[in-house]
Amino acid sequence: MNQSYLFLQASGGGPSQLIFMVAFLAIAYFFFLRPQMKKQKEQTKYMDELKKGDEVVTASGILGKINKIEGNIVHLQVDTKTFIRVTRGAISKEMTESLNEPEEAAKS
């Protein structure tokens, strides 16, 4: 009987344990989930704003100029007479922006 009483006392955390769990969940939300959701929203917005003539980079690193957009398929011109088809989701906002940053810095 004394042993079971000791285990019950050791497992009690009360309100402090609840506060710790709520604080942990809040930290996880603000440092992990929220930035990821924001990044995904920006990527989706970027994909919706693509238009003919934009120079883009795919997630696999292929550089090209948008020649035609048909629904979810984007035709990229990668050389004078070379065209490839990729899905709209394959175009990376981050990689395209990092490619265009040196050009913008040179203009300033």
PDB file of N, CA and C in Angstrom:
ATOM      1  N   MET A   1       0.818  -1.185   0.000  1.00  0.00           N
ATOM      2  CA  MET A   1       0.000   0.000   0.000  1.00  0.00           C
ATOM      3  C   MET A   1       0.868   1.259   0.000  1.00  0.00           C
ATOM      4  N   ASN A   2       1.962   1.233   0.698  1.00  0.00           N
ATOM      5  CA  ASN A   2       2.840   2.393   0.737  1.00  0.00           C
ATOM      6  C   ASN A   2       3.480   2.659  -0.627  1.00  0.00           C
ATOM      7  N   GLN A   3       3.776   1.603  -1.375  1.00  0.00           N
ATOM      8  CA  GLN A   3       4.398   1.790  -2.683  1.00  0.00           C
ATOM      9  C   GLN A   3       3.445   2.481  -3.656  1.00  0.00           C
ATOM     10  N   SER A   4       2.207   2.082  -3.712  1.00  0.00           N
ATOM     11  CA  SER A   4       1.258   2.705  -4.636  1.00  0.00           C
ATOM     12  C   SER A   4       1.015   4.165  -4.244  1.00  0.00           C
ATOM     13  N   TYR A   5       1.052   4.490  -2.998  1.00  0.00           N
ATOM     14  CA  TYR A   5       0.880   5.864  -2.552  1.00  0.00           C
ATOM     15  C   TYR A   5       2.051   6.723  -3.030  1.00  0.00           C
ATOM     16  N   LEU A   6       3.264   6.192  -3.004  1.00  0.00           N
ATOM     17  CA  LEU A   6       4.438   6.932  -3.472  1.00  0.00           C
ATOM     18  C   LEU A   6       4.369   7.198  -4.974  1.00  0.00           C
ATOM     19  N   PHE A   7       3.906   6.222  -5.745  1.00  0.00           N
ATOM     20  CA  PHE A   7       3.794   6.419  -7.189  1.00  0.00           C
ATOM     21  C   PHE A   7       2.760   7.483  -7.523  1.00  0.00           C
ATOM     22  N   LEU A   8       1.684   7.532  -6.797  1.00  0.00           N
ATOM     23  CA  LEU A   8       0.663   8.536  -7.045  1.00  0.00           C
ATOM     24  C   LEU A   8       1.191   9.940  -6.746  1.00  0.00           C
ATOM     25  N   GLN A   9       1.984  10.067  -5.713  1.00  0.00           N
ATOM     26  CA  GLN A   9       2.542  11.372  -5.391  1.00  0.00           C
ATOM     27  C   GLN A   9       3.567  11.818  -6.437  1.00  0.00           C
ATOM     28  N   ALA A  10       4.363  10.903  -6.939  1.00  0.00           N
ATOM     29  CA  ALA A  10       5.416  11.251  -7.888  1.00  0.00           C
ATOM     30  C   ALA A  10       4.841  11.652  -9.244  1.00  0.00           C
ATOM     31  N   SER A  11       3.691  11.136  -9.614  1.00  0.00           N
ATOM     32  CA  SER A  11       3.153  11.427 -10.937  1.00  0.00           C
ATOM     33  C   SER A  11       2.361  12.726 -10.975  1.00  0.00           C
ATOM     34  N   GLY A  12       2.057  13.335  -9.884  1.00  0.00           N
ATOM     35  CA  GLY A  12       1.252  14.560  -9.871  1.00  0.00           C
ATOM     36  C   GLY A  12       2.046  15.754 -10.353  1.00  0.00           C
ATOM     37  N   GLY A  13       1.465  16.560 -11.241  1.00  0.00           N
ATOM     38  CA  GLY A  13       2.132  17.757 -11.743  1.00  0.00           C
ATOM     39  C   GLY A  13       1.265  18.977 -11.510  1.00  0.00           C
ATOM     40  N   GLY A  14       0.003  18.745 -11.543  1.00  0.00           N
ATOM     41  CA  GLY A  14      -0.944  19.816 -11.285  1.00  0.00           C
ATOM     42  C   GLY A  14      -0.923  20.903 -12.329  1.00  0.00           C
ATOM     43  N   PRO A  15      -1.255  22.114 -11.929  1.00  0.00           N
ATOM     44  CA  PRO A  15      -1.361  23.239 -12.857  1.00  0.00           C
ATOM     45  C   PRO A  15      -0.029  23.624 -13.518  1.00  0.00           C
ATOM     46  N   SER A  16       1.072  23.426 -12.825  1.00  0.00           N
ATOM     47  CA  SER A  16       2.363  23.816 -13.404  1.00  0.00           C
ATOM     48  C   SER A  16       2.685  22.971 -14.635  1.00  0.00           C
ATOM     49  N   GLN A  17       2.315  21.706 -14.620  1.00  0.00           N
ATOM     50  CA  GLN A  17       2.555  20.847 -15.768  1.00  0.00           C
ATOM     51  C   GLN A  17       1.663  21.276 -16.945  1.00  0.00           C
ATOM     52  N   LEU A  18       0.442  21.664 -16.662  1.00  0.00           N
ATOM     53  CA  LEU A  18      -0.468  22.132 -17.694  1.00  0.00           C
ATOM     54  C   LEU A  18       0.052  23.428 -18.318  1.00  0.00           C
ATOM     55  N   ILE A  19       0.540  24.341 -17.499  1.00  0.00           N
ATOM     56  CA  ILE A  19       1.097  25.601 -17.998  1.00  0.00           C
ATOM     57  C   ILE A  19       2.317  25.333 -18.873  1.00  0.00           C
ATOM     58  N   PHE A  20       3.153  24.394 -18.455  1.00  0.00           N
ATOM     59  CA  PHE A  20       4.338  24.029 -19.238  1.00  0.00           C
ATOM     60  C   PHE A  20       3.934  23.483 -20.608  1.00  0.00           C
ATOM     61  N   MET A  21       2.938  22.634 -20.663  1.00  0.00           N
ATOM     62  CA  MET A  21       2.494  22.046 -21.926  1.00  0.00           C
ATOM     63  C   MET A  21       1.903  23.125 -22.855  1.00  0.00           C
ATOM     64  N   VAL A  22       1.116  24.025 -22.304  1.00  0.00           N
ATOM     65  CA  VAL A  22       0.530  25.104 -23.107  1.00  0.00           C
ATOM     66  C   VAL A  22       1.641  26.011 -23.639  1.00  0.00           C
ATOM     67  N   ALA A  23       2.616  26.333 -22.821  1.00  0.00           N
ATOM     68  CA  ALA A  23       3.739  27.170 -23.254  1.00  0.00           C
ATOM     69  C   ALA A  23       4.542  26.472 -24.356  1.00  0.00           C
ATOM     70  N   PHE A  24       4.744  25.177 -24.212  1.00  0.00           N
ATOM     71  CA  PHE A  24       5.482  24.405 -25.221  1.00  0.00           C
ATOM     72  C   PHE A  24       4.734  24.415 -26.551  1.00  0.00           C
ATOM     73  N   LEU A  25       3.436  24.226 -26.518  1.00  0.00           N
ATOM     74  CA  LEU A  25       2.638  24.243 -27.746  1.00  0.00           C
ATOM     75  C   LEU A  25       2.647  25.624 -28.399  1.00  0.00           C
ATOM     76  N   ALA A  26       2.600  26.682 -27.582  1.00  0.00           N
ATOM     77  CA  ALA A  26       2.635  28.041 -28.122  1.00  0.00           C
ATOM     78  C   ALA A  26       3.984  28.317 -28.795  1.00  0.00           C
ATOM     79  N   ILE A  27       5.052  27.895 -28.176  1.00  0.00           N
ATOM     80  CA  ILE A  27       6.390  28.086 -28.756  1.00  0.00           C
ATOM     81  C   ILE A  27       6.513  27.299 -30.052  1.00  0.00           C
ATOM     82  N   ALA A  28       6.041  26.064 -30.066  1.00  0.00           N
ATOM     83  CA  ALA A  28       6.096  25.243 -31.275  1.00  0.00           C
ATOM     84  C   ALA A  28       5.298  25.896 -32.396  1.00  0.00           C
ATOM     85  N   TYR A  29       4.158  26.466 -32.085  1.00  0.00           N
ATOM     86  CA  TYR A  29       3.341  27.122 -33.105  1.00  0.00           C
ATOM     87  C   TYR A  29       4.056  28.337 -33.680  1.00  0.00           C
ATOM     88  N   PHE A  30       4.574  29.211 -32.827  1.00  0.00           N
ATOM     89  CA  PHE A  30       5.175  30.452 -33.308  1.00  0.00           C
ATOM     90  C   PHE A  30       6.529  30.265 -33.974  1.00  0.00           C
ATOM     91  N   PHE A  31       7.276  29.229 -33.622  1.00  0.00           N
ATOM     92  CA  PHE A  31       8.600  29.053 -34.210  1.00  0.00           C
ATOM     93  C   PHE A  31       8.652  28.020 -35.322  1.00  0.00           C
ATOM     94  N   PHE A  32       7.677  27.116 -35.405  1.00  0.00           N
ATOM     95  CA  PHE A  32       7.724  26.063 -36.413  1.00  0.00           C
ATOM     96  C   PHE A  32       6.532  26.098 -37.367  1.00  0.00           C
ATOM     97  N   LEU A  33       5.343  26.066 -36.863  1.00  0.00           N
ATOM     98  CA  LEU A  33       4.163  25.953 -37.709  1.00  0.00           C
ATOM     99  C   LEU A  33       3.820  27.248 -38.433  1.00  0.00           C
ATOM    100  N   ARG A  34       3.793  28.346 -37.737  1.00  0.00           N
ATOM    101  CA  ARG A  34       3.382  29.623 -38.334  1.00  0.00           C
ATOM    102  C   ARG A  34       4.308  30.062 -39.466  1.00  0.00           C
ATOM    103  N   PRO A  35       5.642  30.026 -39.294  1.00  0.00           N
ATOM    104  CA  PRO A  35       6.511  30.411 -40.417  1.00  0.00           C
ATOM    105  C   PRO A  35       6.351  29.481 -41.630  1.00  0.00           C
ATOM    106  N   GLN A  36       6.142  28.202 -41.377  1.00  0.00           N
ATOM    107  CA  GLN A  36       5.981  27.262 -42.479  1.00  0.00           C
ATOM    108  C   GLN A  36       4.680  27.537 -43.238  1.00  0.00           C
ATOM    109  N   MET A  37       3.608  27.845 -42.530  1.00  0.00           N
ATOM    110  CA  MET A  37       2.336  28.160 -43.172  1.00  0.00           C
ATOM    111  C   MET A  37       2.458  29.457 -43.981  1.00  0.00           C
ATOM    112  N   LYS A  38       3.174  30.444 -43.442  1.00  0.00           N
ATOM    113  CA  LYS A  38       3.372  31.708 -44.137  1.00  0.00           C
ATOM    114  C   LYS A  38       4.177  31.495 -45.423  1.00  0.00           C
ATOM    115  N   LYS A  39       5.210  30.680 -45.335  1.00  0.00           N
ATOM    116  CA  LYS A  39       6.043  30.388 -46.491  1.00  0.00           C
ATOM    117  C   LYS A  39       5.236  29.671 -47.583  1.00  0.00           C
ATOM    118  N   GLN A  40       4.385  28.728 -47.181  1.00  0.00           N
ATOM    119  CA  GLN A  40       3.554  28.006 -48.133  1.00  0.00           C
ATOM    120  C   GLN A  40       2.548  28.940 -48.807  1.00  0.00           C
ATOM    121  N   LYS A  41       1.990  29.868 -48.050  1.00  0.00           N
ATOM    122  CA  LYS A  41       1.030  30.830 -48.600  1.00  0.00           C
ATOM    123  C   LYS A  41       1.718  31.731 -49.629  1.00  0.00           C
ATOM    124  N   GLU A  42       2.948  32.176 -49.347  1.00  0.00           N
ATOM    125  CA  GLU A  42       3.693  33.012 -50.286  1.00  0.00           C
ATOM    126  C   GLU A  42       4.021  32.246 -51.563  1.00  0.00           C
ATOM    127  N   GLN A  43       4.391  30.963 -51.434  1.00  0.00           N
ATOM    128  CA  GLN A  43       4.707  30.129 -52.594  1.00  0.00           C
ATOM    129  C   GLN A  43       3.468  29.957 -53.471  1.00  0.00           C
ATOM    130  N   THR A  44       2.315  29.717 -52.860  1.00  0.00           N
ATOM    131  CA  THR A  44       1.070  29.552 -53.611  1.00  0.00           C
ATOM    132  C   THR A  44       0.706  30.837 -54.341  1.00  0.00           C
ATOM    133  N   LYS A  45       0.852  31.970 -53.659  1.00  0.00           N
ATOM    134  CA  LYS A  45       0.561  33.262 -54.281  1.00  0.00           C
ATOM    135  C   LYS A  45       1.500  33.510 -55.459  1.00  0.00           C
ATOM    136  N   TYR A  46       2.767  33.170 -55.287  1.00  0.00           N
ATOM    137  CA  TYR A  46       3.761  33.345 -56.352  1.00  0.00           C
ATOM    138  C   TYR A  46       3.399  32.489 -57.566  1.00  0.00           C
ATOM    139  N   MET A  47       3.002  31.243 -57.336  1.00  0.00           N
ATOM    140  CA  MET A  47       2.646  30.353 -58.442  1.00  0.00           C
ATOM    141  C   MET A  47       1.420  30.870 -59.195  1.00  0.00           C
ATOM    142  N   ASP A  48       0.487  31.462 -58.478  1.00  0.00           N
ATOM    143  CA  ASP A  48      -0.718  32.002 -59.120  1.00  0.00           C
ATOM    144  C   ASP A  48      -0.426  33.241 -59.955  1.00  0.00           C
ATOM    145  N   GLU A  49       0.642  33.984 -59.634  1.00  0.00           N
ATOM    146  CA  GLU A  49       0.972  35.228 -60.330  1.00  0.00           C
ATOM    147  C   GLU A  49       1.952  35.039 -61.489  1.00  0.00           C
ATOM    148  N   LEU A  50       2.322  33.795 -61.803  1.00  0.00           N
ATOM    149  CA  LEU A  50       3.248  33.560 -62.909  1.00  0.00           C
ATOM    150  C   LEU A  50       2.605  33.987 -64.218  1.00  0.00           C
ATOM    151  N   LYS A  51       3.437  34.557 -65.108  1.00  0.00           N
ATOM    152  CA  LYS A  51       2.924  34.989 -66.405  1.00  0.00           C
ATOM    153  C   LYS A  51       3.989  34.758 -67.468  1.00  0.00           C
ATOM    154  N   LYS A  52       3.568  34.825 -68.711  1.00  0.00           N
ATOM    155  CA  LYS A  52       4.466  34.617 -69.843  1.00  0.00           C
ATOM    156  C   LYS A  52       5.588  35.654 -69.804  1.00  0.00           C
ATOM    157  N   GLY A  53       6.806  35.192 -70.034  1.00  0.00           N
ATOM    158  CA  GLY A  53       7.961  36.086 -70.053  1.00  0.00           C
ATOM    159  C   GLY A  53       8.751  36.118 -68.750  1.00  0.00           C
ATOM    160  N   ASP A  54       8.195  35.584 -67.673  1.00  0.00           N
ATOM    161  CA  ASP A  54       8.920  35.558 -66.393  1.00  0.00           C
ATOM    162  C   ASP A  54      10.088  34.579 -66.472  1.00  0.00           C
ATOM    163  N   GLU A  55      11.231  34.994 -65.928  1.00  0.00           N
ATOM    164  CA  GLU A  55      12.365  34.083 -65.810  1.00  0.00           C
ATOM    165  C   GLU A  55      12.280  33.425 -64.447  1.00  0.00           C
ATOM    166  N   VAL A  56      12.304  32.084 -64.443  1.00  0.00           N
ATOM    167  CA  VAL A  56      12.094  31.332 -63.208  1.00  0.00           C
ATOM    168  C   VAL A  56      13.131  30.227 -63.072  1.00  0.00           C
ATOM    169  N   VAL A  57      13.168  29.664 -61.875  1.00  0.00           N
ATOM    170  CA  VAL A  57      14.028  28.523 -61.573  1.00  0.00           C
ATOM    171  C   VAL A  57      13.135  27.438 -60.986  1.00  0.00           C
ATOM    172  N   THR A  58      13.290  26.213 -61.473  1.00  0.00           N
ATOM    173  CA  THR A  58      12.509  25.114 -60.908  1.00  0.00           C
ATOM    174  C   THR A  58      13.177  24.629 -59.628  1.00  0.00           C
ATOM    175  N   ALA A  59      12.472  23.807 -58.886  1.00  0.00           N
ATOM    176  CA  ALA A  59      13.008  23.268 -57.636  1.00  0.00           C
ATOM    177  C   ALA A  59      14.246  22.409 -57.882  1.00  0.00           C
ATOM    178  N   SER A  60      14.378  21.849 -59.084  1.00  0.00           N
ATOM    179  CA  SER A  60      15.553  21.037 -59.402  1.00  0.00           C
ATOM    180  C   SER A  60      16.698  21.863 -59.972  1.00  0.00           C
ATOM    181  N   GLY A  61      16.494  23.184 -60.115  1.00  0.00           N
ATOM    182  CA  GLY A  61      17.571  24.067 -60.524  1.00  0.00           C
ATOM    183  C   GLY A  61      17.603  24.403 -61.996  1.00  0.00           C
ATOM    184  N   ILE A  62      16.574  24.084 -62.752  1.00  0.00           N
ATOM    185  CA  ILE A  62      16.532  24.404 -64.176  1.00  0.00           C
ATOM    186  C   ILE A  62      16.062  25.839 -64.349  1.00  0.00           C
ATOM    187  N   LEU A  63      16.857  26.616 -65.101  1.00  0.00           N
ATOM    188  CA  LEU A  63      16.516  28.009 -65.375  1.00  0.00           C
ATOM    189  C   LEU A  63      15.788  28.088 -66.704  1.00  0.00           C
ATOM    190  N   GLY A  64      14.774  28.946 -66.770  1.00  0.00           N
ATOM    191  CA  GLY A  64      14.050  29.090 -68.026  1.00  0.00           C
ATOM    192  C   GLY A  64      13.141  30.293 -68.003  1.00  0.00           C
ATOM    193  N   LYS A  65      12.609  30.584 -69.167  1.00  0.00           N
ATOM    194  CA  LYS A  65      11.672  31.696 -69.341  1.00  0.00           C
ATOM    195  C   LYS A  65      10.318  31.080 -69.691  1.00  0.00           C
ATOM    196  N   ILE A  66       9.278  31.566 -69.038  1.00  0.00           N
ATOM    197  CA  ILE A  66       7.945  31.012 -69.281  1.00  0.00           C
ATOM    198  C   ILE A  66       7.497  31.407 -70.680  1.00  0.00           C
ATOM    199  N   ASN A  67       7.153  30.380 -71.471  1.00  0.00           N
ATOM    200  CA  ASN A  67       6.697  30.591 -72.830  1.00  0.00           C
ATOM    201  C   ASN A  67       5.174  30.487 -72.926  1.00  0.00           C
ATOM    202  N   LYS A  68       4.593  29.558 -72.165  1.00  0.00           N
ATOM    203  CA  LYS A  68       3.154  29.349 -72.228  1.00  0.00           C
ATOM    204  C   LYS A  68       2.699  28.694 -70.924  1.00  0.00           C
ATOM    205  N   ILE A  69       1.501  29.032 -70.487  1.00  0.00           N
ATOM    206  CA  ILE A  69       0.912  28.414 -69.297  1.00  0.00           C
ATOM    207  C   ILE A  69      -0.426  27.811 -69.697  1.00  0.00           C
ATOM    208  N   GLU A  70      -0.574  26.516 -69.475  1.00  0.00           N
ATOM    209  CA  GLU A  70      -1.816  25.802 -69.769  1.00  0.00           C
ATOM    210  C   GLU A  70      -2.297  25.129 -68.496  1.00  0.00           C
ATOM    211  N   GLY A  71      -3.127  25.809 -67.747  1.00  0.00           N
ATOM    212  CA  GLY A  71      -3.623  25.237 -66.494  1.00  0.00           C
ATOM    213  C   GLY A  71      -2.505  25.047 -65.497  1.00  0.00           C
ATOM    214  N   ASN A  72      -2.201  23.790 -65.195  1.00  0.00           N
ATOM    215  CA  ASN A  72      -1.169  23.469 -64.213  1.00  0.00           C
ATOM    216  C   ASN A  72       0.183  23.188 -64.878  1.00  0.00           C
ATOM    217  N   ILE A  73       0.245  23.217 -66.200  1.00  0.00           N
ATOM    218  CA  ILE A  73       1.480  22.934 -66.941  1.00  0.00           C
ATOM    219  C   ILE A  73       2.087  24.246 -67.430  1.00  0.00           C
ATOM    220  N   VAL A  74       3.383  24.392 -67.203  1.00  0.00           N
ATOM    221  CA  VAL A  74       4.121  25.581 -67.634  1.00  0.00           C
ATOM    222  C   VAL A  74       5.169  25.135 -68.644  1.00  0.00           C
ATOM    223  N   HIS A  75       5.206  25.805 -69.800  1.00  0.00           N
ATOM    224  CA  HIS A  75       6.201  25.522 -70.824  1.00  0.00           C
ATOM    225  C   HIS A  75       7.348  26.508 -70.628  1.00  0.00           C
ATOM    226  N   LEU A  76       8.542  25.952 -70.359  1.00  0.00           N
ATOM    227  CA  LEU A  76       9.722  26.793 -70.150  1.00  0.00           C
ATOM    228  C   LEU A  76      10.634  26.723 -71.365  1.00  0.00           C
ATOM    229  N   GLN A  77      11.141  27.865 -71.777  1.00  0.00           N
ATOM    230  CA  GLN A  77      12.146  27.909 -72.824  1.00  0.00           C
ATOM    231  C   GLN A  77      13.497  27.938 -72.123  1.00  0.00           C
ATOM    232  N   VAL A  78      14.285  26.867 -72.291  1.00  0.00           N
ATOM    233  CA  VAL A  78      15.569  26.779 -71.604  1.00  0.00           C
ATOM    234  C   VAL A  78      16.740  27.106 -72.521  1.00  0.00           C
ATOM    235  N   ASP A  79      16.495  27.119 -73.839  1.00  0.00           N
ATOM    236  CA  ASP A  79      17.496  27.501 -74.824  1.00  0.00           C
ATOM    237  C   ASP A  79      16.741  28.071 -76.025  1.00  0.00           C
ATOM    238  N   THR A  80      17.445  28.416 -77.072  1.00  0.00           N
ATOM    239  CA  THR A  80      16.812  29.065 -78.208  1.00  0.00           C
ATOM    240  C   THR A  80      15.609  28.290 -78.738  1.00  0.00           C
ATOM    241  N   LYS A  81      15.782  27.015 -79.005  1.00  0.00           N
ATOM    242  CA  LYS A  81      14.682  26.209 -79.533  1.00  0.00           C
ATOM    243  C   LYS A  81      14.401  24.997 -78.653  1.00  0.00           C
ATOM    244  N   THR A  82      14.687  25.109 -77.380  1.00  0.00           N
ATOM    245  CA  THR A  82      14.473  23.994 -76.455  1.00  0.00           C
ATOM    246  C   THR A  82      13.428  24.388 -75.422  1.00  0.00           C
ATOM    247  N   PHE A  83      12.375  23.598 -75.374  1.00  0.00           N
ATOM    248  CA  PHE A  83      11.277  23.857 -74.450  1.00  0.00           C
ATOM    249  C   PHE A  83      11.051  22.618 -73.598  1.00  0.00           C
ATOM    250  N   ILE A  84      10.730  22.834 -72.329  1.00  0.00           N
ATOM    251  CA  ILE A  84      10.352  21.718 -71.455  1.00  0.00           C
ATOM    252  C   ILE A  84       9.033  22.072 -70.782  1.00  0.00           C
ATOM    253  N   ARG A  85       8.317  21.046 -70.397  1.00  0.00           N
ATOM    254  CA  ARG A  85       7.061  21.238 -69.682  1.00  0.00           C
ATOM    255  C   ARG A  85       7.268  20.816 -68.232  1.00  0.00           C
ATOM    256  N   VAL A  86       6.844  21.651 -67.302  1.00  0.00           N
ATOM    257  CA  VAL A  86       6.914  21.345 -65.875  1.00  0.00           C
ATOM    258  C   VAL A  86       5.582  21.717 -65.240  1.00  0.00           C
ATOM    259  N   THR A  87       5.325  21.159 -64.095  1.00  0.00           N
ATOM    260  CA  THR A  87       4.115  21.550 -63.381  1.00  0.00           C
ATOM    261  C   THR A  87       4.360  22.896 -62.704  1.00  0.00           C
ATOM    262  N   ARG A  88       3.293  23.590 -62.470  1.00  0.00           N
ATOM    263  CA  ARG A  88       3.378  24.909 -61.840  1.00  0.00           C
ATOM    264  C   ARG A  88       4.036  24.810 -60.465  1.00  0.00           C
ATOM    265  N   GLY A  89       3.793  23.726 -59.745  1.00  0.00           N
ATOM    266  CA  GLY A  89       4.353  23.534 -58.410  1.00  0.00           C
ATOM    267  C   GLY A  89       5.852  23.297 -58.400  1.00  0.00           C
ATOM    268  N   ALA A  90       6.438  22.999 -59.559  1.00  0.00           N
ATOM    269  CA  ALA A  90       7.880  22.752 -59.634  1.00  0.00           C
ATOM    270  C   ALA A  90       8.690  24.039 -59.643  1.00  0.00           C
ATOM    271  N   ILE A  91       8.031  25.170 -59.807  1.00  0.00           N
ATOM    272  CA  ILE A  91       8.747  26.450 -59.859  1.00  0.00           C
ATOM    273  C   ILE A  91       8.927  26.974 -58.439  1.00  0.00           C
ATOM    274  N   SER A  92      10.165  27.271 -58.093  1.00  0.00           N
ATOM    275  CA  SER A  92      10.521  27.664 -56.731  1.00  0.00           C
ATOM    276  C   SER A  92      10.619  29.180 -56.599  1.00  0.00           C
ATOM    277  N   LYS A  93       9.859  29.726 -55.678  1.00  0.00           N
ATOM    278  CA  LYS A  93       9.894  31.163 -55.412  1.00  0.00           C
ATOM    279  C   LYS A  93      11.240  31.566 -54.824  1.00  0.00           C
ATOM    280  N   GLU A  94      11.729  30.801 -53.859  1.00  0.00           N
ATOM    281  CA  GLU A  94      12.989  31.141 -53.188  1.00  0.00           C
ATOM    282  C   GLU A  94      14.166  31.137 -54.154  1.00  0.00           C
ATOM    283  N   MET A  95      14.250  30.099 -54.989  1.00  0.00           N
ATOM    284  CA  MET A  95      15.381  29.998 -55.908  1.00  0.00           C
ATOM    285  C   MET A  95      15.309  31.079 -56.986  1.00  0.00           C
ATOM    286  N   THR A  96      14.110  31.405 -57.442  1.00  0.00           N
ATOM    287  CA  THR A  96      13.952  32.461 -58.444  1.00  0.00           C
ATOM    288  C   THR A  96      14.357  33.806 -57.856  1.00  0.00           C
ATOM    289  N   GLU A  97      13.936  34.076 -56.625  1.00  0.00           N
ATOM    290  CA  GLU A  97      14.308  35.345 -55.985  1.00  0.00           C
ATOM    291  C   GLU A  97      15.802  35.425 -55.742  1.00  0.00           C
ATOM    292  N   SER A  98      16.434  34.324 -55.341  1.00  0.00           N
ATOM    293  CA  SER A  98      17.880  34.358 -55.094  1.00  0.00           C
ATOM    294  C   SER A  98      18.646  34.563 -56.398  1.00  0.00           C
ATOM    295  N   LEU A  99      18.098  34.111 -57.509  1.00  0.00           N
ATOM    296  CA  LEU A  99      18.729  34.329 -58.810  1.00  0.00           C
ATOM    297  C   LEU A  99      18.625  35.794 -59.212  1.00  0.00           C
ATOM    298  N   ASN A 100      17.510  36.420 -58.907  1.00  0.00           N
ATOM    299  CA  ASN A 100      17.270  37.808 -59.313  1.00  0.00           C
ATOM    300  C   ASN A 100      17.868  38.825 -58.348  1.00  0.00           C
ATOM    301  N   GLU A 101      18.261  38.456 -57.149  1.00  0.00           N
ATOM    302  CA  GLU A 101      18.821  39.399 -56.178  1.00  0.00           C
ATOM    303  C   GLU A 101      20.104  40.069 -56.657  1.00  0.00           C
ATOM    304  N   PRO A 102      21.085  39.341 -57.223  1.00  0.00           N
ATOM    305  CA  PRO A 102      22.305  40.033 -57.674  1.00  0.00           C
ATOM    306  C   PRO A 102      22.022  41.077 -58.747  1.00  0.00           C
ATOM    307  N   GLU A 103      21.041  40.819 -59.629  1.00  0.00           N
ATOM    308  CA  GLU A 103      20.710  41.786 -60.672  1.00  0.00           C
ATOM    309  C   GLU A 103      20.140  43.050 -60.054  1.00  0.00           C
ATOM    310  N   GLU A 104      19.287  42.917 -59.048  1.00  0.00           N
ATOM    311  CA  GLU A 104      18.684  44.079 -58.386  1.00  0.00           C
ATOM    312  C   GLU A 104      19.730  44.861 -57.604  1.00  0.00           C
ATOM    313  N   ALA A 105      20.705  44.167 -57.007  1.00  0.00           N
ATOM    314  CA  ALA A 105      21.762  44.843 -56.258  1.00  0.00           C
ATOM    315  C   ALA A 105      22.679  45.638 -57.203  1.00  0.00           C
ATOM    316  N   ALA A 106      22.897  45.114 -58.407  1.00  0.00           N
ATOM    317  CA  ALA A 106      23.752  45.798 -59.366  1.00  0.00           C
ATOM    318  C   ALA A 106      23.097  47.071 -59.880  1.00  0.00           C
ATOM    319  N   LYS A 107      21.761  47.093 -59.947  1.00  0.00           N
ATOM    320  CA  LYS A 107      21.047  48.277 -60.423  1.00  0.00           C
ATOM    321  C   LYS A 107      21.114  49.421 -59.421  1.00  0.00           C
ATOM    322  N   SER A 108      21.259  49.108 -58.141  1.00  0.00           N
ATOM    323  CA  SER A 108      21.254  50.151 -57.092  1.00  0.00           C
ATOM    324  C   SER A 108      22.544  50.928 -57.032  1.00  0.00           C
TER     325      SER A 108
END
